[in-house]
Each structure stands twice: as C-alpha cells, then as structure tokens.
Amino acid sequence: GSLRLSCVASGSIFSISTMGWFRQASGNQRELVATI
C-alpha cells in the first residue's frame, strides 16, 4: 500500500533549510529515510 506523510514547520527559515525524514523502528536506532 501507500501513505503520504506531511510535516508543517513554523518559523521563517524553512525555505533556506534542508528538510528530511527519519525513522526509528522498535529497538533500532533512528535512521535517515530521505532529505531535500
């Protein structure tokens, strides 16, 4: 299946920042998924 995650940011630095998604499965370390 498919899902779409969304994230809204407050503040004025969003457009000049690198954004990313990370994930953490139970018992595991947080890992990079994707960045832009």
Full PDB file with SEQRES, HELIX, SHEET, SSBOND, CRYST1, ORIGX, SCALE, CONECT and MASTER records, all heavy atoms in Angstrom:
SEQRES   1 A   36  GLY SER LEU ARG LEU SER CYS VAL ALA SER GLY SER ILE          
SEQRES   2 A   36  PHE SER ILE SER THR MET GLY TRP PHE ARG GLN ALA SER          
SEQRES   3 A   36  GLY ASN GLN ARG GLU LEU VAL ALA THR ILE                      
HELIX    1 AA1 PHE A   14  ILE A   16  5                                   3    
SHEET    1 AA1 2 GLY A  20  ARG A  23  0                                        
SHEET    2 AA1 2 GLU A  31  THR A  35 -1                                        
CRYST1    1.000    1.000    1.000  90.00  90.00  90.00 P 1           1          
ORIGX1      1.000000  0.000000  0.000000        0.00000                         
ORIGX2      0.000000  1.000000  0.000000        0.00000                         
ORIGX3      0.000000  0.000000  1.000000        0.00000                         
SCALE1      1.000000  0.000000  0.000000        0.00000                         
SCALE2      0.000000  1.000000  0.000000        0.00000                         
SCALE3      0.000000  0.000000  1.000000        0.00000                         
ATOM      1  N   GLY A   1       0.796  -1.207   0.000  1.00  0.00           N  
ATOM      2  CA  GLY A   1       0.000   0.000   0.000  1.00  0.00           C  
ATOM      3  C   GLY A   1       0.833   1.265   0.000  1.00  0.00           C  
ATOM      4  O   GLY A   1       2.071   1.219  -0.071  1.00  0.00           O  
ATOM      5  N   SER A   2       0.136   2.401   0.085  1.00  0.00           N  
ATOM      6  CA  SER A   2       0.783   3.708   0.030  1.00  0.00           C  
ATOM      7  C   SER A   2       0.296   4.597   1.159  1.00  0.00           C  
ATOM      8  O   SER A   2      -0.829   4.437   1.651  1.00  0.00           O  
ATOM      9  CB  SER A   2       0.471   4.397  -1.303  1.00  0.00           C  
ATOM     10  OG  SER A   2       0.944   3.635  -2.403  1.00  0.00           O  
ATOM     11  N   LEU A   3       1.150   5.519   1.551  1.00  0.00           N  
ATOM     12  CA  LEU A   3       0.803   6.568   2.515  1.00  0.00           C  
ATOM     13  C   LEU A   3       1.573   7.814   2.141  1.00  0.00           C  
ATOM     14  O   LEU A   3       2.659   7.727   1.566  1.00  0.00           O  
ATOM     15  CB  LEU A   3       1.205   6.163   3.941  1.00  0.00           C  
ATOM     16  CG  LEU A   3       0.289   5.285   4.788  1.00  0.00           C  
ATOM     17  CD1 LEU A   3       0.958   4.993   6.125  1.00  0.00           C  
ATOM     18  CD2 LEU A   3      -1.060   5.934   4.990  1.00  0.00           C  
ATOM     19  N   ARG A   4       1.014   8.965   2.507  1.00  0.00           N  
ATOM     20  CA  ARG A   4       1.751  10.211   2.352  1.00  0.00           C  
ATOM     21  C   ARG A   4       1.846  10.895   3.708  1.00  0.00           C  
ATOM     22  O   ARG A   4       0.820  11.197   4.330  1.00  0.00           O  
ATOM     23  CB  ARG A   4       1.089  11.156   1.350  1.00  0.00           C  
ATOM     24  CG  ARG A   4       1.976  12.365   1.055  1.00  0.00           C  
ATOM     25  CD  ARG A   4       1.445  13.265  -0.030  1.00  0.00           C  
ATOM     26  NE  ARG A   4       0.497  14.242   0.474  1.00  0.00           N  
ATOM     27  CZ  ARG A   4       0.305  15.452  -0.074  1.00  0.00           C  
ATOM     28  NH1 ARG A   4       1.008  15.808  -1.123  1.00  0.00           N  
ATOM     29  NH2 ARG A   4      -0.587  16.272   0.426  1.00  0.00           N  
ATOM     30  N   LEU A   5       3.057  11.123   4.128  1.00  0.00           N  
ATOM     31  CA  LEU A   5       3.312  11.870   5.355  1.00  0.00           C  
ATOM     32  C   LEU A   5       3.500  13.344   5.028  1.00  0.00           C  
ATOM     33  O   LEU A   5       4.059  13.687   3.984  1.00  0.00           O  
ATOM     34  CB  LEU A   5       4.555  11.345   6.066  1.00  0.00           C  
ATOM     35  CG  LEU A   5       4.582   9.858   6.393  1.00  0.00           C  
ATOM     36  CD1 LEU A   5       5.863   9.515   7.167  1.00  0.00           C  
ATOM     37  CD2 LEU A   5       3.358   9.428   7.170  1.00  0.00           C  
ATOM     38  N   SER A   6       3.027  14.186   5.945  1.00  0.00           N  
ATOM     39  CA  SER A   6       3.185  15.632   5.797  1.00  0.00           C  
ATOM     40  C   SER A   6       3.818  16.196   7.057  1.00  0.00           C  
ATOM     41  O   SER A   6       3.635  15.660   8.157  1.00  0.00           O  
ATOM     42  CB  SER A   6       1.826  16.296   5.577  1.00  0.00           C  
ATOM     43  OG  SER A   6       1.189  15.812   4.417  1.00  0.00           O  
ATOM     44  N   CYS A   7       4.537  17.289   6.887  1.00  0.00           N  
ATOM     45  CA  CYS A   7       5.153  17.974   8.011  1.00  0.00           C  
ATOM     46  C   CYS A   7       5.066  19.468   7.743  1.00  0.00           C  
ATOM     47  O   CYS A   7       5.477  19.942   6.684  1.00  0.00           O  
ATOM     48  CB  CYS A   7       6.600  17.545   8.170  1.00  0.00           C  
ATOM     49  SG  CYS A   7       7.540  18.482   9.392  1.00  0.00           S  
ATOM     50  N   VAL A   8       4.516  20.191   8.708  1.00  0.00           N  
ATOM     51  CA  VAL A   8       4.447  21.644   8.606  1.00  0.00           C  
ATOM     52  C   VAL A   8       5.413  22.244   9.614  1.00  0.00           C  
ATOM     53  O   VAL A   8       5.522  21.778  10.745  1.00  0.00           O  
ATOM     54  CB  VAL A   8       3.009  22.161   8.833  1.00  0.00           C  
ATOM     55  CG1 VAL A   8       2.497  21.800  10.208  1.00  0.00           C  
ATOM     56  CG2 VAL A   8       2.933  23.663   8.591  1.00  0.00           C  
ATOM     57  N   ALA A   9       6.123  23.263   9.164  1.00  0.00           N  
ATOM     58  CA  ALA A   9       7.132  23.908  10.004  1.00  0.00           C  
ATOM     59  C   ALA A   9       6.741  25.342  10.313  1.00  0.00           C  
ATOM     60  O   ALA A   9       6.247  26.062   9.435  1.00  0.00           O  
ATOM     61  CB  ALA A   9       8.487  23.886   9.302  1.00  0.00           C  
ATOM     62  N   SER A  10       6.959  25.750  11.547  1.00  0.00           N  
ATOM     63  CA  SER A  10       6.786  27.155  11.903  1.00  0.00           C  
ATOM     64  C   SER A  10       8.118  27.867  11.736  1.00  0.00           C  
ATOM     65  O   SER A  10       9.163  27.229  11.587  1.00  0.00           O  
ATOM     66  CB  SER A  10       6.303  27.269  13.349  1.00  0.00           C  
ATOM     67  OG  SER A  10       7.304  26.783  14.229  1.00  0.00           O  
ATOM     68  N   GLY A  11       8.091  29.180  11.760  1.00  0.00           N  
ATOM     69  CA  GLY A  11       9.330  29.935  11.666  1.00  0.00           C  
ATOM     70  C   GLY A  11       9.619  30.388  10.251  1.00  0.00           C  
ATOM     71  O   GLY A  11       8.936  30.005   9.300  1.00  0.00           O  
ATOM     72  N   SER A  12      10.679  31.176  10.124  1.00  0.00           N  
ATOM     73  CA  SER A  12      10.976  31.836   8.860  1.00  0.00           C  
ATOM     74  C   SER A  12      12.151  31.238   8.098  1.00  0.00           C  
ATOM     75  O   SER A  12      12.538  31.772   7.059  1.00  0.00           O  
ATOM     76  CB  SER A  12      11.257  33.313   9.118  1.00  0.00           C  
ATOM     77  OG  SER A  12      12.362  33.436  10.007  1.00  0.00           O  
ATOM     78  N   ILE A  13      12.712  30.132   8.600  1.00  0.00           N  
ATOM     79  CA  ILE A  13      13.920  29.604   7.966  1.00  0.00           C  
ATOM     80  C   ILE A  13      13.646  28.387   7.098  1.00  0.00           C  
ATOM     81  O   ILE A  13      14.571  27.781   6.567  1.00  0.00           O  
ATOM     82  CB  ILE A  13      14.985  29.242   9.014  1.00  0.00           C  
ATOM     83  CG1 ILE A  13      14.457  28.174   9.987  1.00  0.00           C  
ATOM     84  CG2 ILE A  13      15.445  30.484   9.750  1.00  0.00           C  
ATOM     85  CD1 ILE A  13      15.531  27.638  10.924  1.00  0.00           C  
ATOM     86  N   PHE A  14      12.380  28.021   6.956  1.00  0.00           N  
ATOM     87  CA  PHE A  14      12.055  26.787   6.246  1.00  0.00           C  
ATOM     88  C   PHE A  14      12.665  26.763   4.855  1.00  0.00           C  
ATOM     89  O   PHE A  14      13.311  25.800   4.464  1.00  0.00           O  
ATOM     90  CB  PHE A  14      10.540  26.605   6.148  1.00  0.00           C  
ATOM     91  CG  PHE A  14      10.130  25.365   5.401  1.00  0.00           C  
ATOM     92  CD1 PHE A  14      10.016  24.162   6.055  1.00  0.00           C  
ATOM     93  CD2 PHE A  14       9.860  25.417   4.034  1.00  0.00           C  
ATOM     94  CE1 PHE A  14       9.643  23.003   5.368  1.00  0.00           C  
ATOM     95  CE2 PHE A  14       9.491  24.269   3.337  1.00  0.00           C  
ATOM     96  CZ  PHE A  14       9.387  23.068   4.008  1.00  0.00           C  
ATOM     97  N   SER A  15      12.469  27.821   4.090  1.00  0.00           N  
ATOM     98  CA  SER A  15      12.861  27.812   2.676  1.00  0.00           C  
ATOM     99  C   SER A  15      14.373  27.741   2.483  1.00  0.00           C  
ATOM    100  O   SER A  15      14.835  27.377   1.396  1.00  0.00           O  
ATOM    101  CB  SER A  15      12.307  29.041   1.964  1.00  0.00           C  
ATOM    102  OG  SER A  15      12.873  30.219   2.492  1.00  0.00           O  
ATOM    103  N   ILE A  16      15.150  28.055   3.505  1.00  0.00           N  
ATOM    104  CA  ILE A  16      16.604  28.018   3.384  1.00  0.00           C  
ATOM    105  C   ILE A  16      17.214  26.851   4.146  1.00  0.00           C  
ATOM    106  O   ILE A  16      18.424  26.799   4.346  1.00  0.00           O  
ATOM    107  CB  ILE A  16      17.237  29.348   3.830  1.00  0.00           C  
ATOM    108  CG1 ILE A  16      16.826  29.693   5.277  1.00  0.00           C  
ATOM    109  CG2 ILE A  16      16.860  30.475   2.892  1.00  0.00           C  
ATOM    110  CD1 ILE A  16      17.521  30.941   5.811  1.00  0.00           C  
ATOM    111  N   SER A  17      16.369  25.930   4.559  1.00  0.00           N  
ATOM    112  CA  SER A  17      16.807  24.788   5.355  1.00  0.00           C  
ATOM    113  C   SER A  17      16.732  23.503   4.554  1.00  0.00           C  
ATOM    114  O   SER A  17      15.931  23.379   3.622  1.00  0.00           O  
ATOM    115  CB  SER A  17      15.930  24.637   6.604  1.00  0.00           C  
ATOM    116  OG  SER A  17      15.995  25.786   7.411  1.00  0.00           O  
ATOM    117  N   THR A  18      17.554  22.542   4.964  1.00  0.00           N  
ATOM    118  CA  THR A  18      17.426  21.184   4.463  1.00  0.00           C  
ATOM    119  C   THR A  18      16.391  20.462   5.315  1.00  0.00           C  
ATOM    120  O   THR A  18      16.453  20.525   6.543  1.00  0.00           O  
ATOM    121  CB  THR A  18      18.765  20.442   4.524  1.00  0.00           C  
ATOM    122  OG1 THR A  18      19.664  21.022   3.579  1.00  0.00           O  
ATOM    123  CG2 THR A  18      18.601  18.968   4.197  1.00  0.00           C  
ATOM    124  N   MET A  19      15.463  19.814   4.647  1.00  0.00           N  
ATOM    125  CA  MET A  19      14.419  19.072   5.341  1.00  0.00           C  
ATOM    126  C   MET A  19      14.636  17.577   5.142  1.00  0.00           C  
ATOM    127  O   MET A  19      15.176  17.149   4.117  1.00  0.00           O  
ATOM    128  CB  MET A  19      13.043  19.457   4.815  1.00  0.00           C  
ATOM    129  CG  MET A  19      12.683  20.911   5.002  1.00  0.00           C  
ATOM    130  SD  MET A  19      12.693  21.418   6.734  1.00  0.00           S  
ATOM    131  CE  MET A  19      11.427  20.325   7.423  1.00  0.00           C  
ATOM    132  N   GLY A  20      14.200  16.807   6.118  1.00  0.00           N  
ATOM    133  CA  GLY A  20      14.397  15.380   5.994  1.00  0.00           C  
ATOM    134  C   GLY A  20      13.347  14.588   6.748  1.00  0.00           C  
ATOM    135  O   GLY A  20      12.609  15.132   7.577  1.00  0.00           O  
ATOM    136  N   TRP A  21      13.307  13.319   6.408  1.00  0.00           N  
ATOM    137  CA  TRP A  21      12.504  12.340   7.132  1.00  0.00           C  
ATOM    138  C   TRP A  21      13.444  11.253   7.648  1.00  0.00           C  
ATOM    139  O   TRP A  21      14.287  10.753   6.906  1.00  0.00           O  
ATOM    140  CB  TRP A  21      11.442  11.716   6.226  1.00  0.00           C  
ATOM    141  CG  TRP A  21      10.323  12.639   5.886  1.00  0.00           C  
ATOM    142  CD1 TRP A  21      10.208  13.411   4.771  1.00  0.00           C  
ATOM    143  CD2 TRP A  21       9.160  12.895   6.677  1.00  0.00           C  
ATOM    144  NE1 TRP A  21       9.046  14.141   4.814  1.00  0.00           N  
ATOM    145  CE2 TRP A  21       8.372  13.836   5.975  1.00  0.00           C  
ATOM    146  CE3 TRP A  21       8.688  12.421   7.901  1.00  0.00           C  
ATOM    147  CZ2 TRP A  21       7.153  14.312   6.455  1.00  0.00           C  
ATOM    148  CZ3 TRP A  21       7.484  12.897   8.388  1.00  0.00           C  
ATOM    149  CH2 TRP A  21       6.725  13.826   7.669  1.00  0.00           C  
ATOM    150  N   PHE A  22      13.270  10.926   8.903  1.00  0.00           N  
ATOM    151  CA  PHE A  22      13.998   9.850   9.542  1.00  0.00           C  
ATOM    152  C   PHE A  22      12.975   8.888  10.131  1.00  0.00           C  
ATOM    153  O   PHE A  22      11.805   9.237  10.292  1.00  0.00           O  
ATOM    154  CB  PHE A  22      14.901  10.391  10.662  1.00  0.00           C  
ATOM    155  CG  PHE A  22      16.080  11.181  10.166  1.00  0.00           C  
ATOM    156  CD1 PHE A  22      15.915  12.437   9.589  1.00  0.00           C  
ATOM    157  CD2 PHE A  22      17.375  10.679  10.282  1.00  0.00           C  
ATOM    158  CE1 PHE A  22      17.006  13.167   9.129  1.00  0.00           C  
ATOM    159  CE2 PHE A  22      18.465  11.401   9.828  1.00  0.00           C  
ATOM    160  CZ  PHE A  22      18.275  12.646   9.253  1.00  0.00           C  
ATOM    161  N   ARG A  23      13.421   7.690  10.460  1.00  0.00           N  
ATOM    162  CA  ARG A  23      12.506   6.738  11.091  1.00  0.00           C  
ATOM    163  C   ARG A  23      13.245   5.921  12.151  1.00  0.00           C  
ATOM    164  O   ARG A  23      14.456   5.753  12.083  1.00  0.00           O  
ATOM    165  CB  ARG A  23      11.864   5.813  10.067  1.00  0.00           C  
ATOM    166  CG  ARG A  23      12.823   4.855   9.379  1.00  0.00           C  
ATOM    167  CD  ARG A  23      12.110   4.105   8.256  1.00  0.00           C  
ATOM    168  NE  ARG A  23      12.997   3.159   7.584  1.00  0.00           N  
ATOM    169  CZ  ARG A  23      12.649   2.473   6.490  1.00  0.00           C  
ATOM    170  NH1 ARG A  23      11.443   2.638   5.947  1.00  0.00           N  
ATOM    171  NH2 ARG A  23      13.500   1.623   5.944  1.00  0.00           N  
ATOM    172  N   GLN A  24      12.450   5.444  13.099  1.00  0.00           N  
ATOM    173  CA  GLN A  24      13.009   4.625  14.172  1.00  0.00           C  
ATOM    174  C   GLN A  24      12.057   3.474  14.451  1.00  0.00           C  
ATOM    175  O   GLN A  24      10.929   3.696  14.918  1.00  0.00           O  
ATOM    176  CB  GLN A  24      13.233   5.458  15.436  1.00  0.00           C  
ATOM    177  CG  GLN A  24      13.956   4.702  16.526  1.00  0.00           C  
ATOM    178  CD  GLN A  24      14.440   5.615  17.641  1.00  0.00           C  
ATOM    179  OE1 GLN A  24      14.014   6.763  17.768  1.00  0.00           O  
ATOM    180  NE2 GLN A  24      15.361   5.122  18.444  1.00  0.00           N  
ATOM    181  N   ALA A  25      12.511   2.282  14.137  1.00  0.00           N  
ATOM    182  CA  ALA A  25      11.746   1.082  14.450  1.00  0.00           C  
ATOM    183  C   ALA A  25      12.045   0.663  15.884  1.00  0.00           C  
ATOM    184  O   ALA A  25      13.087   1.006  16.449  1.00  0.00           O  
ATOM    185  CB  ALA A  25      12.103  -0.024  13.479  1.00  0.00           C  
ATOM    186  N   SER A  26      11.130  -0.074  16.459  1.00  0.00           N  
ATOM    187  CA  SER A  26      11.276  -0.506  17.844  1.00  0.00           C  
ATOM    188  C   SER A  26      12.577  -1.273  18.030  1.00  0.00           C  
ATOM    189  O   SER A  26      12.861  -2.222  17.292  1.00  0.00           O  
ATOM    190  CB  SER A  26      10.087  -1.389  18.234  1.00  0.00           C  
ATOM    191  OG  SER A  26      10.202  -1.821  19.564  1.00  0.00           O  
ATOM    192  N   GLY A  27      13.383  -0.827  18.991  1.00  0.00           N  
ATOM    193  CA  GLY A  27      14.645  -1.491  19.289  1.00  0.00           C  
ATOM    194  C   GLY A  27      15.800  -1.093  18.394  1.00  0.00           C  
ATOM    195  O   GLY A  27      16.915  -1.579  18.577  1.00  0.00           O  
ATOM    196  N   ASN A  28      15.540  -0.213  17.436  1.00  0.00           N  
ATOM    197  CA  ASN A  28      16.585   0.207  16.495  1.00  0.00           C  
ATOM    198  C   ASN A  28      16.939   1.673  16.687  1.00  0.00           C  
ATOM    199  O   ASN A  28      16.198   2.428  17.325  1.00  0.00           O  
ATOM    200  CB  ASN A  28      16.121  -0.008  15.050  1.00  0.00           C  
ATOM    201  CG  ASN A  28      16.023  -1.460  14.672  1.00  0.00           C  
ATOM    202  OD1 ASN A  28      16.343  -2.347  15.461  1.00  0.00           O  
ATOM    203  ND2 ASN A  28      15.572  -1.708  13.464  1.00  0.00           N  
ATOM    204  N   GLN A  29      18.067   2.056  16.098  1.00  0.00           N  
ATOM    205  CA  GLN A  29      18.440   3.464  16.110  1.00  0.00           C  
ATOM    206  C   GLN A  29      17.663   4.230  15.041  1.00  0.00           C  
ATOM    207  O   GLN A  29      17.182   3.646  14.060  1.00  0.00           O  
ATOM    208  CB  GLN A  29      19.948   3.597  15.835  1.00  0.00           C  
ATOM    209  CG  GLN A  29      20.829   3.095  16.975  1.00  0.00           C  
ATOM    210  CD  GLN A  29      22.295   3.397  16.736  1.00  0.00           C  
ATOM    211  OE1 GLN A  29      22.755   3.463  15.599  1.00  0.00           O  
ATOM    212  NE2 GLN A  29      23.043   3.587  17.813  1.00  0.00           N  
ATOM    213  N   ARG A  30      17.564   5.516  15.235  1.00  0.00           N  
ATOM    214  CA  ARG A  30      16.929   6.371  14.229  1.00  0.00           C  
ATOM    215  C   ARG A  30      17.796   6.379  12.979  1.00  0.00           C  
ATOM    216  O   ARG A  30      19.017   6.500  13.053  1.00  0.00           O  
ATOM    217  CB  ARG A  30      16.745   7.790  14.770  1.00  0.00           C  
ATOM    218  CG  ARG A  30      15.831   8.668  13.952  1.00  0.00           C  
ATOM    219  CD  ARG A  30      15.536   9.981  14.667  1.00  0.00           C  
ATOM    220  NE  ARG A  30      14.823   9.770  15.924  1.00  0.00           N  
ATOM    221  CZ  ARG A  30      14.320  10.766  16.641  1.00  0.00           C  
ATOM    222  NH1 ARG A  30      14.433  12.026  16.222  1.00  0.00           N  
ATOM    223  NH2 ARG A  30      13.708  10.506  17.776  1.00  0.00           N  
ATOM    224  N   GLU A  31      17.151   6.273  11.819  1.00  0.00           N  
ATOM    225  CA  GLU A  31      17.893   6.224  10.560  1.00  0.00           C  
ATOM    226  C   GLU A  31      17.315   7.189   9.540  1.00  0.00           C  
ATOM    227  O   GLU A  31      16.119   7.506   9.551  1.00  0.00           O  
ATOM    228  CB  GLU A  31      17.867   4.798   9.980  1.00  0.00           C  
ATOM    229  CG  GLU A  31      16.495   4.296   9.599  1.00  0.00           C  
ATOM    230  CD  GLU A  31      16.530   2.915   8.956  1.00  0.00           C  
ATOM    231  OE1 GLU A  31      17.588   2.274   8.913  1.00  0.00           O  
ATOM    232  OE2 GLU A  31      15.460   2.482   8.482  1.00  0.00           O  
ATOM    233  N   LEU A  32      18.198   7.629   8.644  1.00  0.00           N  
ATOM    234  CA  LEU A  32      17.791   8.526   7.572  1.00  0.00           C  
ATOM    235  C   LEU A  32      16.901   7.797   6.583  1.00  0.00           C  
ATOM    236  O   LEU A  32      17.175   6.660   6.200  1.00  0.00           O  
ATOM    237  CB  LEU A  32      19.036   9.039   6.838  1.00  0.00           C  
ATOM    238  CG  LEU A  32      18.796   9.781   5.547  1.00  0.00           C  
ATOM    239  CD1 LEU A  32      18.232  11.156   5.833  1.00  0.00           C  
ATOM    240  CD2 LEU A  32      20.082   9.886   4.741  1.00  0.00           C  
ATOM    241  N   VAL A  33      15.836   8.473   6.169  1.00  0.00           N  
ATOM    242  CA  VAL A  33      14.986   7.968   5.095  1.00  0.00           C  
ATOM    243  C   VAL A  33      15.236   8.772   3.826  1.00  0.00           C  
ATOM    244  O   VAL A  33      15.543   8.218   2.770  1.00  0.00           O  
ATOM    245  CB  VAL A  33      13.495   8.033   5.479  1.00  0.00           C  
ATOM    246  CG1 VAL A  33      12.626   7.585   4.307  1.00  0.00           C  
ATOM    247  CG2 VAL A  33      13.214   7.179   6.711  1.00  0.00           C  
ATOM    248  N   ALA A  34      15.103  10.094   3.936  1.00  0.00           N  
ATOM    249  CA  ALA A  34      15.271  10.951   2.763  1.00  0.00           C  
ATOM    250  C   ALA A  34      15.500  12.379   3.215  1.00  0.00           C  
ATOM    251  O   ALA A  34      15.026  12.785   4.281  1.00  0.00           O  
ATOM    252  CB  ALA A  34      14.048  10.889   1.851  1.00  0.00           C  
ATOM    253  N   THR A  35      16.230  13.133   2.386  1.00  0.00           N  
ATOM    254  CA  THR A  35      16.412  14.563   2.634  1.00  0.00           C  
ATOM    255  C   THR A  35      16.196  15.341   1.344  1.00  0.00           C  
ATOM    256  O   THR A  35      16.323  14.795   0.239  1.00  0.00           O  
ATOM    257  CB  THR A  35      17.815  14.888   3.173  1.00  0.00           C  
ATOM    258  OG1 THR A  35      18.789  14.472   2.211  1.00  0.00           O  
ATOM    259  CG2 THR A  35      18.074  14.211   4.508  1.00  0.00           C  
ATOM    260  N   ILE A  36      15.888  16.626   1.511  1.00  0.00           N  
ATOM    261  CA  ILE A  36      15.762  17.528   0.368  1.00  0.00           C  
ATOM    262  C   ILE A  36      16.333  18.878   0.777  1.00  0.00           C  
ATOM    263  O   ILE A  36      15.961  19.443   1.816  1.00  0.00           O  
ATOM    264  CB  ILE A  36      14.289  17.630  -0.108  1.00  0.00           C  
ATOM    265  CG1 ILE A  36      14.181  18.511  -1.343  1.00  0.00           C  
ATOM    266  CG2 ILE A  36      13.365  18.100   1.012  1.00  0.00           C  
ATOM    267  CD1 ILE A  36      12.829  18.403  -2.048  1.00  0.00           C  
TER     268      ILE A  36                                                      
MASTER        0    0    0    1    2    0    0    6  267    1    0    3          
END                                                                             
